[in-house]
Amino acid sequence: MLIEKTKSEIVIRVSSKINTFGLQRLMDYLKYQELTSSSKAKQSDIDELARAVNKNWWNKNKHRFISE
């Protein structure tokens, strides 16, 4: 494995033998880190948003799981 850092990016070279599923999960995490690095959101704000999204999703989809 080789890691190079330039002014604008970090280049990571790995063997083609590496598991691509695991590599994709790592890349997804790195993308998340990149996207949230300058966020000013507090964890409580994120938790509140997640609750609202989950509640909204459940209200739209509960008929698929519960027969009334």
N, C-alpha and C. Protein backbone atom coordinates (compact mmCIF):
# COMPACT_ATOMS: atom_id res chain seq x y z
N MET A 1 0.86 -1.16 0.00
CA MET A 1 0.00 0.00 0.00
C MET A 1 0.91 1.23 0.00
N LEU A 2 0.47 2.24 -0.76
CA LEU A 2 1.23 3.48 -0.87
C LEU A 2 0.29 4.66 -0.68
N ILE A 3 0.69 5.61 0.15
CA ILE A 3 -0.11 6.81 0.38
C ILE A 3 0.71 8.02 -0.03
N GLU A 4 0.13 8.83 -0.91
CA GLU A 4 0.77 10.06 -1.37
C GLU A 4 -0.13 11.24 -1.03
N LYS A 5 0.46 12.34 -0.57
CA LYS A 5 -0.32 13.54 -0.27
C LYS A 5 0.18 14.68 -1.15
N THR A 6 -0.77 15.31 -1.85
CA THR A 6 -0.46 16.49 -2.65
C THR A 6 -1.13 17.68 -1.97
N LYS A 7 -1.07 18.85 -2.59
CA LYS A 7 -1.72 20.03 -2.00
C LYS A 7 -3.22 19.86 -1.88
N SER A 8 -3.83 19.16 -2.83
CA SER A 8 -5.29 19.11 -2.88
C SER A 8 -5.91 17.74 -2.61
N GLU A 9 -5.09 16.70 -2.49
CA GLU A 9 -5.69 15.38 -2.31
C GLU A 9 -4.71 14.40 -1.69
N ILE A 10 -5.26 13.27 -1.26
CA ILE A 10 -4.46 12.15 -0.77
C ILE A 10 -4.75 10.98 -1.70
N VAL A 11 -3.71 10.38 -2.23
CA VAL A 11 -3.85 9.25 -3.15
C VAL A 11 -3.41 7.99 -2.42
N ILE A 12 -4.29 6.99 -2.39
CA ILE A 12 -4.00 5.71 -1.74
C ILE A 12 -4.00 4.63 -2.80
N ARG A 13 -2.90 3.93 -2.93
CA ARG A 13 -2.81 2.83 -3.89
C ARG A 13 -2.78 1.52 -3.10
N VAL A 14 -3.67 0.61 -3.50
CA VAL A 14 -3.74 -0.69 -2.84
C VAL A 14 -3.68 -1.80 -3.88
N SER A 15 -3.35 -2.98 -3.44
CA SER A 15 -3.28 -4.14 -4.32
C SER A 15 -4.65 -4.46 -4.91
N SER A 16 -4.68 -4.95 -6.12
CA SER A 16 -5.95 -5.34 -6.74
C SER A 16 -6.55 -6.58 -6.07
N LYS A 17 -5.84 -7.19 -5.16
CA LYS A 17 -6.33 -8.37 -4.45
C LYS A 17 -7.28 -8.00 -3.30
N ILE A 18 -7.35 -6.73 -2.97
CA ILE A 18 -8.16 -6.31 -1.83
C ILE A 18 -9.65 -6.52 -2.11
N ASN A 19 -10.40 -6.82 -1.07
CA ASN A 19 -11.84 -7.04 -1.16
C ASN A 19 -12.52 -5.72 -1.52
N THR A 20 -13.21 -5.67 -2.65
CA THR A 20 -13.81 -4.42 -3.10
C THR A 20 -15.01 -4.00 -2.24
N PHE A 21 -15.71 -4.94 -1.64
CA PHE A 21 -16.83 -4.59 -0.76
C PHE A 21 -16.32 -3.80 0.44
N GLY A 22 -15.28 -4.32 1.08
CA GLY A 22 -14.68 -3.63 2.22
C GLY A 22 -14.10 -2.29 1.82
N LEU A 23 -13.49 -2.23 0.66
CA LEU A 23 -12.92 -0.98 0.17
C LEU A 23 -14.02 0.04 -0.08
N GLN A 24 -15.16 -0.38 -0.63
CA GLN A 24 -16.26 0.54 -0.87
C GLN A 24 -16.81 1.09 0.45
N ARG A 25 -16.89 0.24 1.46
CA ARG A 25 -17.36 0.71 2.77
C ARG A 25 -16.40 1.76 3.34
N LEU A 26 -15.11 1.53 3.16
CA LEU A 26 -14.12 2.49 3.61
C LEU A 26 -14.26 3.81 2.85
N MET A 27 -14.46 3.73 1.55
CA MET A 27 -14.62 4.92 0.73
C MET A 27 -15.89 5.69 1.12
N ASP A 28 -16.96 4.97 1.42
CA ASP A 28 -18.19 5.62 1.86
C ASP A 28 -17.96 6.39 3.16
N TYR A 29 -17.21 5.79 4.08
CA TYR A 29 -16.89 6.45 5.35
C TYR A 29 -16.04 7.70 5.11
N LEU A 30 -15.05 7.58 4.24
CA LEU A 30 -14.20 8.73 3.93
C LEU A 30 -15.00 9.85 3.27
N LYS A 31 -15.93 9.49 2.40
CA LYS A 31 -16.79 10.49 1.77
C LYS A 31 -17.64 11.20 2.82
N TYR A 32 -18.17 10.43 3.76
CA TYR A 32 -18.94 11.01 4.87
C TYR A 32 -18.08 11.99 5.65
N GLN A 33 -16.85 11.60 5.97
CA GLN A 33 -15.94 12.47 6.70
C GLN A 33 -15.68 13.77 5.92
N GLU A 34 -15.48 13.63 4.63
CA GLU A 34 -15.22 14.79 3.78
C GLU A 34 -16.43 15.74 3.76
N LEU A 35 -17.63 15.17 3.61
CA LEU A 35 -18.84 15.98 3.51
C LEU A 35 -19.21 16.67 4.82
N THR A 36 -18.88 16.05 5.94
CA THR A 36 -19.27 16.60 7.23
C THR A 36 -18.16 17.36 7.94
N SER A 37 -17.00 17.46 7.32
CA SER A 37 -15.84 18.07 7.99
C SER A 37 -16.06 19.52 8.38
N SER A 38 -16.88 20.25 7.65
CA SER A 38 -17.09 21.66 7.97
C SER A 38 -18.49 21.91 8.53
N SER A 39 -19.17 20.86 8.92
CA SER A 39 -20.53 21.00 9.45
C SER A 39 -20.52 21.68 10.81
N LYS A 40 -21.49 22.54 11.03
CA LYS A 40 -21.66 23.21 12.32
C LYS A 40 -22.81 22.58 13.12
N ALA A 41 -23.40 21.54 12.58
CA ALA A 41 -24.54 20.89 13.23
C ALA A 41 -24.12 20.23 14.54
N LYS A 42 -25.01 20.32 15.53
CA LYS A 42 -24.78 19.64 16.80
C LYS A 42 -25.43 18.26 16.73
N GLN A 43 -24.95 17.33 17.52
CA GLN A 43 -25.51 15.98 17.52
C GLN A 43 -27.00 16.02 17.86
N SER A 44 -27.41 16.91 18.75
CA SER A 44 -28.84 17.00 19.11
C SER A 44 -29.69 17.42 17.91
N ASP A 45 -29.15 18.29 17.05
CA ASP A 45 -29.87 18.69 15.84
C ASP A 45 -30.01 17.51 14.88
N ILE A 46 -28.96 16.74 14.75
CA ILE A 46 -28.96 15.57 13.87
C ILE A 46 -29.94 14.52 14.38
N ASP A 47 -29.94 14.31 15.70
CA ASP A 47 -30.85 13.34 16.30
C ASP A 47 -32.31 13.75 16.07
N GLU A 48 -32.60 15.05 16.23
CA GLU A 48 -33.96 15.54 16.03
C GLU A 48 -34.40 15.36 14.57
N LEU A 49 -33.52 15.66 13.64
CA LEU A 49 -33.82 15.47 12.23
C LEU A 49 -34.06 14.00 11.92
N ALA A 50 -33.24 13.13 12.47
CA ALA A 50 -33.40 11.69 12.23
C ALA A 50 -34.74 11.19 12.77
N ARG A 51 -35.13 11.66 13.94
CA ARG A 51 -36.43 11.27 14.49
C ARG A 51 -37.58 11.72 13.59
N ALA A 52 -37.48 12.95 13.09
CA ALA A 52 -38.54 13.47 12.22
C ALA A 52 -38.62 12.68 10.92
N VAL A 53 -37.48 12.37 10.35
CA VAL A 53 -37.46 11.60 9.10
C VAL A 53 -38.03 10.21 9.33
N ASN A 54 -37.62 9.56 10.41
CA ASN A 54 -38.12 8.21 10.72
C ASN A 54 -39.63 8.22 10.97
N LYS A 55 -40.11 9.22 11.69
CA LYS A 55 -41.54 9.31 11.96
C LYS A 55 -42.32 9.50 10.66
N ASN A 56 -41.84 10.37 9.82
CA ASN A 56 -42.48 10.62 8.53
C ASN A 56 -42.49 9.36 7.67
N TRP A 57 -41.35 8.66 7.63
CA TRP A 57 -41.26 7.43 6.84
C TRP A 57 -42.27 6.40 7.38
N TRP A 58 -42.32 6.24 8.70
CA TRP A 58 -43.21 5.26 9.30
C TRP A 58 -44.67 5.59 8.98
N ASN A 59 -45.03 6.86 9.09
CA ASN A 59 -46.41 7.25 8.80
C ASN A 59 -46.80 6.93 7.35
N LYS A 60 -45.86 7.04 6.43
CA LYS A 60 -46.14 6.75 5.02
C LYS A 60 -46.10 5.26 4.71
N ASN A 61 -45.41 4.47 5.51
CA ASN A 61 -45.19 3.07 5.16
C ASN A 61 -45.75 2.04 6.13
N LYS A 62 -46.32 2.46 7.24
CA LYS A 62 -46.77 1.48 8.23
C LYS A 62 -47.83 0.54 7.69
N HIS A 63 -48.61 1.01 6.71
CA HIS A 63 -49.64 0.15 6.12
C HIS A 63 -49.03 -1.09 5.47
N ARG A 64 -47.77 -1.02 5.09
CA ARG A 64 -47.10 -2.17 4.48
C ARG A 64 -46.76 -3.24 5.51
N PHE A 65 -46.74 -2.87 6.80
CA PHE A 65 -46.32 -3.79 7.85
C PHE A 65 -47.43 -4.18 8.82
N ILE A 66 -48.42 -3.28 8.94
CA ILE A 66 -49.52 -3.51 9.88
C ILE A 66 -50.83 -3.45 9.14
N SER A 67 -51.60 -4.52 9.24
CA SER A 67 -52.94 -4.48 8.61
C SER A 67 -53.92 -3.96 9.65
N GLU A 68 -54.65 -2.96 9.29
CA GLU A 68 -55.59 -2.34 10.23
C GLU A 68 -57.00 -2.73 9.91
